[in-house]
């Protein structure tokens, strides 16, 4: 079962052209470490309610929504992150990876697309701000 609906819905609701996003590319590379976060819109004029996100220590992430959960894999090393999920599969049903640079912004992180054959996914991820949940 695929969950392309999540990224297609998110892309249609909150994705922006990369050049038009507030905060630009000036954020320094940052570490995206395991923990609990919320996903918010980087462009505050397109705000949506925070979405719970957890990056587990084994590189698995889980997004929790009213409709259920969505998961995939993220691995961050030296400011570069590889990402895959069941919403972007190749012809053999293998999850395609995208490569991103982790950038810091307004107390959180966003992902700058380096390469991703799933264009809608890259636009969505780049439009989100991942804010750590403070304990």
N, C-alpha and C. Protein backbone atom coordinates (compact mmCIF):
# COMPACT_ATOMS: atom_id res chain seq x y z
N UNK A 1 0.84 -1.18 0.00
CA UNK A 1 0.00 0.00 0.00
C UNK A 1 0.89 1.24 0.00
N UNK A 2 0.65 2.13 -0.92
CA UNK A 2 1.44 3.35 -0.97
C UNK A 2 0.69 4.50 -0.33
N UNK A 3 1.43 5.52 0.02
CA UNK A 3 0.84 6.70 0.65
C UNK A 3 1.19 7.95 -0.14
N UNK A 4 1.13 7.84 -1.45
CA UNK A 4 1.44 9.00 -2.28
C UNK A 4 0.50 10.14 -1.98
N UNK A 5 -0.71 9.82 -1.52
CA UNK A 5 -1.69 10.85 -1.21
C UNK A 5 -1.14 11.85 -0.21
N UNK A 6 -0.32 11.39 0.73
CA UNK A 6 0.19 12.31 1.75
C UNK A 6 1.04 13.39 1.12
N UNK A 7 2.00 13.01 0.29
CA UNK A 7 2.88 14.00 -0.29
C UNK A 7 2.19 14.81 -1.37
N UNK A 8 1.27 14.20 -2.12
CA UNK A 8 0.55 14.97 -3.12
C UNK A 8 -0.37 15.98 -2.45
N UNK A 9 -1.04 15.57 -1.38
CA UNK A 9 -1.90 16.51 -0.66
C UNK A 9 -1.06 17.61 -0.02
N UNK A 10 0.03 17.23 0.61
CA UNK A 10 0.88 18.23 1.25
C UNK A 10 1.46 19.18 0.21
N UNK A 11 1.88 18.64 -0.92
CA UNK A 11 2.46 19.50 -1.96
C UNK A 11 1.43 20.49 -2.47
N UNK A 12 0.19 20.04 -2.64
CA UNK A 12 -0.82 20.95 -3.18
C UNK A 12 -1.24 21.98 -2.16
N UNK A 13 -1.13 21.66 -0.88
CA UNK A 13 -1.53 22.60 0.16
C UNK A 13 -0.45 23.60 0.53
N UNK A 14 0.82 23.13 0.59
CA UNK A 14 1.84 24.00 1.18
C UNK A 14 3.09 24.18 0.36
N UNK A 15 3.25 23.47 -0.74
CA UNK A 15 4.51 23.59 -1.49
C UNK A 15 4.59 24.95 -2.17
N UNK A 16 5.79 25.52 -2.17
CA UNK A 16 6.07 26.80 -2.80
C UNK A 16 7.26 26.64 -3.72
N UNK A 17 7.38 27.49 -4.73
CA UNK A 17 8.62 27.46 -5.50
C UNK A 17 9.79 27.73 -4.57
N UNK A 18 10.88 26.99 -4.73
CA UNK A 18 12.00 27.11 -3.80
C UNK A 18 12.54 28.52 -3.70
N UNK A 19 12.59 29.26 -4.77
CA UNK A 19 13.14 30.61 -4.73
C UNK A 19 12.28 31.60 -3.98
N UNK A 20 11.00 31.28 -3.75
CA UNK A 20 10.09 32.22 -3.12
C UNK A 20 9.94 32.00 -1.63
N UNK A 21 10.61 31.03 -1.07
CA UNK A 21 10.42 30.72 0.33
C UNK A 21 11.17 31.69 1.23
N UNK A 22 10.49 32.04 2.33
CA UNK A 22 11.12 32.92 3.31
C UNK A 22 12.31 32.23 3.94
N UNK A 23 13.31 32.98 4.27
CA UNK A 23 14.47 32.41 4.93
C UNK A 23 15.56 31.99 3.97
N UNK A 24 15.20 31.79 2.72
CA UNK A 24 16.18 31.52 1.67
C UNK A 24 17.16 30.42 1.99
N UNK A 25 18.29 30.46 1.32
CA UNK A 25 19.30 29.42 1.43
C UNK A 25 20.43 29.84 2.35
N UNK A 26 20.21 30.87 3.14
CA UNK A 26 21.30 31.38 3.96
C UNK A 26 21.53 30.57 5.23
N UNK A 27 20.58 29.69 5.61
CA UNK A 27 20.74 28.91 6.83
C UNK A 27 21.94 27.99 6.73
N UNK A 28 22.73 27.95 7.79
CA UNK A 28 23.91 27.09 7.81
C UNK A 28 23.49 25.63 7.86
N UNK A 29 24.35 24.74 7.37
CA UNK A 29 24.09 23.31 7.47
C UNK A 29 23.99 22.94 8.94
N UNK A 30 23.07 22.05 9.26
CA UNK A 30 22.79 21.69 10.64
C UNK A 30 22.61 20.19 10.76
N UNK A 31 22.63 19.70 11.98
CA UNK A 31 22.42 18.28 12.24
C UNK A 31 20.95 18.03 12.56
N UNK A 32 20.37 17.07 11.91
CA UNK A 32 18.99 16.66 12.16
C UNK A 32 19.09 15.37 12.98
N UNK A 33 18.94 15.46 14.28
CA UNK A 33 19.19 14.34 15.17
C UNK A 33 17.88 13.65 15.56
N UNK A 34 17.96 12.38 15.98
CA UNK A 34 16.76 11.68 16.42
C UNK A 34 16.04 12.45 17.53
N UNK A 35 14.73 12.39 17.49
CA UNK A 35 13.92 13.04 18.51
C UNK A 35 12.53 13.34 17.97
N UNK A 36 11.76 14.06 18.78
CA UNK A 36 10.39 14.43 18.41
C UNK A 36 10.38 15.87 17.93
N UNK A 37 9.63 16.10 16.86
CA UNK A 37 9.52 17.39 16.21
C UNK A 37 8.06 17.67 15.86
N UNK A 38 7.79 18.88 15.44
CA UNK A 38 6.55 19.18 14.74
C UNK A 38 6.93 19.67 13.36
N UNK A 39 6.06 19.39 12.40
CA UNK A 39 6.22 19.91 11.04
C UNK A 39 5.30 21.12 10.94
N UNK A 40 5.87 22.24 10.50
CA UNK A 40 5.12 23.47 10.31
C UNK A 40 5.47 24.03 8.94
N UNK A 41 4.70 25.00 8.47
CA UNK A 41 4.99 25.64 7.19
C UNK A 41 6.13 26.63 7.37
N UNK A 42 7.11 26.61 6.47
CA UNK A 42 8.19 27.62 6.52
C UNK A 42 7.63 29.00 6.20
N UNK A 43 6.70 29.08 5.28
CA UNK A 43 6.06 30.35 4.93
C UNK A 43 4.87 30.52 5.87
N UNK A 44 5.01 31.42 6.83
CA UNK A 44 3.97 31.58 7.86
C UNK A 44 2.63 32.04 7.29
N UNK A 45 2.60 32.61 6.08
CA UNK A 45 1.32 32.98 5.48
C UNK A 45 0.55 31.75 5.00
N UNK A 46 1.22 30.60 4.95
CA UNK A 46 0.58 29.34 4.54
C UNK A 46 0.55 28.36 5.71
N UNK A 47 0.39 28.90 6.91
CA UNK A 47 0.44 28.08 8.13
C UNK A 47 -0.63 26.99 8.14
N UNK A 48 -0.31 25.89 8.77
CA UNK A 48 -1.23 24.79 9.00
C UNK A 48 -0.95 24.27 10.41
N UNK A 49 -1.89 23.55 11.01
CA UNK A 49 -1.64 23.04 12.37
C UNK A 49 -0.39 22.16 12.40
N UNK A 50 0.41 22.25 13.47
CA UNK A 50 1.62 21.42 13.57
C UNK A 50 1.30 19.93 13.45
N UNK A 51 2.16 19.22 12.75
CA UNK A 51 2.01 17.78 12.54
C UNK A 51 3.12 17.08 13.32
N UNK A 52 2.78 16.12 14.20
CA UNK A 52 3.81 15.39 14.96
C UNK A 52 4.70 14.56 14.04
N UNK A 53 6.01 14.63 14.30
CA UNK A 53 7.03 13.93 13.52
C UNK A 53 8.05 13.39 14.50
N UNK A 54 8.45 12.13 14.33
CA UNK A 54 9.49 11.56 15.17
C UNK A 54 10.55 10.89 14.32
N UNK A 55 11.80 11.26 14.54
CA UNK A 55 12.93 10.60 13.92
C UNK A 55 13.52 9.68 14.96
N UNK A 56 13.40 8.38 14.71
CA UNK A 56 13.86 7.39 15.68
C UNK A 56 15.35 7.13 15.49
N UNK A 57 16.00 6.59 16.49
CA UNK A 57 17.45 6.40 16.45
C UNK A 57 17.89 5.44 15.35
N UNK A 58 17.01 4.57 14.89
CA UNK A 58 17.39 3.63 13.85
C UNK A 58 17.12 4.18 12.45
N UNK A 59 17.00 5.48 12.31
CA UNK A 59 16.80 6.23 11.06
C UNK A 59 15.37 6.16 10.52
N UNK A 60 14.47 5.51 11.21
CA UNK A 60 13.08 5.46 10.77
C UNK A 60 12.37 6.70 11.29
N UNK A 61 11.52 7.29 10.43
CA UNK A 61 10.71 8.41 10.90
C UNK A 61 9.24 8.03 10.82
N UNK A 62 8.44 8.69 11.66
CA UNK A 62 6.99 8.48 11.68
C UNK A 62 6.32 9.85 11.74
N UNK A 63 5.37 10.07 10.84
CA UNK A 63 4.53 11.27 10.85
C UNK A 63 3.16 10.81 11.30
N UNK A 64 2.60 11.48 12.31
CA UNK A 64 1.30 11.09 12.86
C UNK A 64 0.25 12.11 12.44
N UNK A 65 -0.79 11.61 11.77
CA UNK A 65 -1.90 12.45 11.33
C UNK A 65 -3.20 11.83 11.79
N UNK A 66 -4.29 12.59 11.70
CA UNK A 66 -5.61 12.07 12.09
C UNK A 66 -5.96 10.82 11.27
N UNK A 67 -5.53 10.79 10.01
CA UNK A 67 -5.84 9.67 9.12
C UNK A 67 -4.97 8.44 9.36
N UNK A 68 -3.94 8.56 10.17
CA UNK A 68 -3.04 7.45 10.43
C UNK A 68 -1.59 7.91 10.42
N UNK A 69 -0.69 6.96 10.28
CA UNK A 69 0.74 7.30 10.30
C UNK A 69 1.35 7.07 8.92
N UNK A 70 2.44 7.76 8.69
CA UNK A 70 3.21 7.66 7.45
C UNK A 70 4.66 7.51 7.89
N UNK A 71 5.40 6.58 7.29
CA UNK A 71 6.78 6.37 7.73
C UNK A 71 7.73 6.23 6.55
N UNK A 72 8.99 6.30 6.87
CA UNK A 72 10.04 6.16 5.88
C UNK A 72 11.38 6.14 6.59
N UNK A 73 12.43 6.43 5.83
CA UNK A 73 13.78 6.41 6.41
C UNK A 73 14.50 7.73 6.13
N UNK A 74 15.22 8.19 7.13
CA UNK A 74 16.07 9.38 7.01
C UNK A 74 17.39 9.05 7.67
N UNK A 75 18.46 9.45 7.04
CA UNK A 75 19.77 9.28 7.65
C UNK A 75 20.57 10.54 7.41
N UNK A 76 21.04 11.14 8.48
CA UNK A 76 21.76 12.41 8.39
C UNK A 76 23.22 12.20 8.78
N UNK A 77 24.11 12.76 7.95
CA UNK A 77 25.54 12.70 8.25
C UNK A 77 26.20 13.95 7.68
N UNK A 78 26.93 14.66 8.54
CA UNK A 78 27.68 15.84 8.13
C UNK A 78 26.83 16.86 7.38
N UNK A 79 25.58 17.06 7.83
CA UNK A 79 24.71 18.07 7.23
C UNK A 79 23.98 17.63 5.97
N UNK A 80 24.25 16.39 5.51
CA UNK A 80 23.54 15.86 4.34
C UNK A 80 22.60 14.75 4.81
N UNK A 81 21.40 14.76 4.27
CA UNK A 81 20.38 13.81 4.70
C UNK A 81 19.89 13.02 3.49
N UNK A 82 19.78 11.71 3.63
CA UNK A 82 19.13 10.89 2.61
C UNK A 82 17.75 10.53 3.15
N UNK A 83 16.79 10.51 2.25
CA UNK A 83 15.39 10.35 2.63
C UNK A 83 14.72 9.40 1.66
N UNK A 84 13.90 8.50 2.16
CA UNK A 84 13.07 7.65 1.30
C UNK A 84 11.76 7.35 2.03
N UNK A 85 10.72 7.09 1.23
CA UNK A 85 9.42 6.72 1.79
C UNK A 85 8.64 5.92 0.76
N UNK A 86 7.54 5.33 1.19
CA UNK A 86 6.75 4.51 0.29
C UNK A 86 5.93 5.33 -0.69
N UNK A 87 5.99 6.65 -0.62
CA UNK A 87 5.28 7.51 -1.56
C UNK A 87 6.01 7.71 -2.87
N UNK A 88 7.25 7.24 -2.95
CA UNK A 88 8.04 7.40 -4.18
C UNK A 88 8.78 6.10 -4.45
N UNK A 89 8.21 5.29 -5.33
CA UNK A 89 8.76 3.98 -5.63
C UNK A 89 9.24 3.91 -7.07
N UNK A 90 10.26 3.09 -7.32
CA UNK A 90 10.69 2.88 -8.70
C UNK A 90 9.86 1.77 -9.32
N UNK A 91 10.18 1.39 -10.54
CA UNK A 91 9.40 0.38 -11.26
C UNK A 91 9.42 -0.99 -10.60
N UNK A 92 10.37 -1.24 -9.69
CA UNK A 92 10.43 -2.51 -8.95
C UNK A 92 9.87 -2.38 -7.53
N UNK A 93 9.14 -1.29 -7.27
CA UNK A 93 8.55 -0.99 -5.95
C UNK A 93 9.59 -0.80 -4.86
N UNK A 94 10.77 -0.33 -5.23
CA UNK A 94 11.82 0.01 -4.27
C UNK A 94 11.73 1.51 -4.00
N UNK A 95 11.85 1.88 -2.72
CA UNK A 95 11.77 3.28 -2.36
C UNK A 95 12.94 4.06 -2.97
N UNK A 96 12.63 5.17 -3.63
CA UNK A 96 13.67 6.03 -4.21
C UNK A 96 14.18 6.99 -3.14
N UNK A 97 15.48 7.20 -3.14
CA UNK A 97 16.08 8.13 -2.17
C UNK A 97 16.24 9.51 -2.78
N UNK A 98 16.10 10.49 -1.91
CA UNK A 98 16.42 11.87 -2.25
C UNK A 98 17.54 12.32 -1.34
N UNK A 99 18.32 13.29 -1.78
CA UNK A 99 19.42 13.82 -0.98
C UNK A 99 19.16 15.30 -0.72
N UNK A 100 19.33 15.69 0.54
CA UNK A 100 19.02 17.05 0.99
C UNK A 100 20.14 17.56 1.88
N UNK A 101 20.25 18.88 1.96
CA UNK A 101 21.13 19.52 2.95
C UNK A 101 20.21 20.02 4.05
N UNK A 102 20.56 19.73 5.30
CA UNK A 102 19.78 20.17 6.45
C UNK A 102 20.20 21.60 6.78
N UNK A 103 19.23 22.50 6.80
CA UNK A 103 19.48 23.92 7.10
C UNK A 103 18.73 24.32 8.36
N UNK A 104 19.33 25.20 9.15
CA UNK A 104 18.64 25.68 10.36
C UNK A 104 17.93 26.99 10.04
N UNK A 105 16.78 27.16 10.69
CA UNK A 105 15.97 28.36 10.50
C UNK A 105 14.97 28.49 11.64
N UNK A 106 14.90 29.67 12.25
CA UNK A 106 13.90 29.99 13.27
C UNK A 106 13.70 28.88 14.32
N UNK A 107 14.79 28.37 14.85
CA UNK A 107 14.71 27.36 15.90
C UNK A 107 14.36 25.96 15.42
N UNK A 108 14.43 25.74 14.11
CA UNK A 108 14.12 24.42 13.57
C UNK A 108 15.02 24.10 12.39
N UNK A 109 14.59 23.16 11.58
CA UNK A 109 15.35 22.70 10.43
C UNK A 109 14.46 22.65 9.21
N UNK A 110 15.04 22.87 8.03
CA UNK A 110 14.36 22.62 6.77
C UNK A 110 15.33 21.90 5.86
N UNK A 111 14.81 21.30 4.80
CA UNK A 111 15.62 20.48 3.92
C UNK A 111 15.73 21.11 2.55
N UNK A 112 16.96 21.44 2.15
CA UNK A 112 17.23 21.99 0.83
C UNK A 112 17.52 20.84 -0.13
N UNK A 113 16.76 20.75 -1.20
CA UNK A 113 16.89 19.66 -2.16
C UNK A 113 18.24 19.72 -2.87
N UNK A 114 18.96 18.61 -2.83
CA UNK A 114 20.16 18.45 -3.63
C UNK A 114 19.84 17.63 -4.87
N UNK A 115 19.16 16.51 -4.66
CA UNK A 115 18.67 15.70 -5.78
C UNK A 115 17.53 14.83 -5.27
N UNK A 116 16.48 14.72 -6.07
CA UNK A 116 15.35 13.86 -5.74
C UNK A 116 14.55 13.68 -7.01
N UNK A 117 14.42 12.43 -7.45
CA UNK A 117 13.66 12.17 -8.67
C UNK A 117 12.16 12.34 -8.45
N UNK A 118 11.74 12.48 -7.20
CA UNK A 118 10.34 12.73 -6.86
C UNK A 118 10.17 14.22 -6.60
N UNK A 119 9.93 14.97 -7.67
CA UNK A 119 9.92 16.42 -7.60
C UNK A 119 8.91 16.96 -6.58
N UNK A 120 7.68 16.41 -6.56
CA UNK A 120 6.68 16.89 -5.61
C UNK A 120 7.13 16.70 -4.16
N UNK A 121 7.78 15.58 -3.89
CA UNK A 121 8.26 15.32 -2.54
C UNK A 121 9.31 16.36 -2.15
N UNK A 122 10.25 16.64 -3.02
CA UNK A 122 11.28 17.63 -2.73
C UNK A 122 10.69 18.99 -2.44
N UNK A 123 9.70 19.41 -3.22
CA UNK A 123 9.06 20.70 -2.99
C UNK A 123 8.36 20.72 -1.64
N UNK A 124 7.67 19.64 -1.31
CA UNK A 124 6.98 19.58 -0.01
C UNK A 124 7.97 19.65 1.14
N UNK A 125 8.99 18.80 1.10
CA UNK A 125 9.96 18.77 2.19
C UNK A 125 10.66 20.11 2.36
N UNK A 126 10.97 20.79 1.27
CA UNK A 126 11.65 22.08 1.35
C UNK A 126 10.75 23.18 1.89
N UNK A 127 9.44 22.96 1.86
CA UNK A 127 8.51 23.98 2.35
C UNK A 127 8.14 23.78 3.82
N UNK A 128 8.68 22.74 4.43
CA UNK A 128 8.36 22.45 5.83
C UNK A 128 9.48 22.89 6.76
N UNK A 129 9.09 23.26 7.95
CA UNK A 129 10.03 23.57 9.03
C UNK A 129 9.82 22.51 10.11
N UNK A 130 10.88 21.80 10.44
CA UNK A 130 10.84 20.77 11.49
C UNK A 130 11.33 21.43 12.77
N UNK A 131 10.45 21.58 13.76
CA UNK A 131 10.83 22.21 15.03
C UNK A 131 10.94 21.14 16.11
N UNK A 132 12.08 21.11 16.82
CA UNK A 132 12.22 20.14 17.92
C UNK A 132 11.21 20.46 19.01
N UNK A 133 10.65 19.41 19.60
CA UNK A 133 9.75 19.58 20.74
C UNK A 133 10.62 19.63 21.98
N UNK A 134 10.50 20.72 22.70
CA UNK A 134 11.30 20.88 23.92
C UNK A 134 10.65 20.12 25.06
N UNK A 135 11.48 19.41 25.80
CA UNK A 135 10.98 18.59 26.92
C UNK A 135 10.74 19.41 28.13
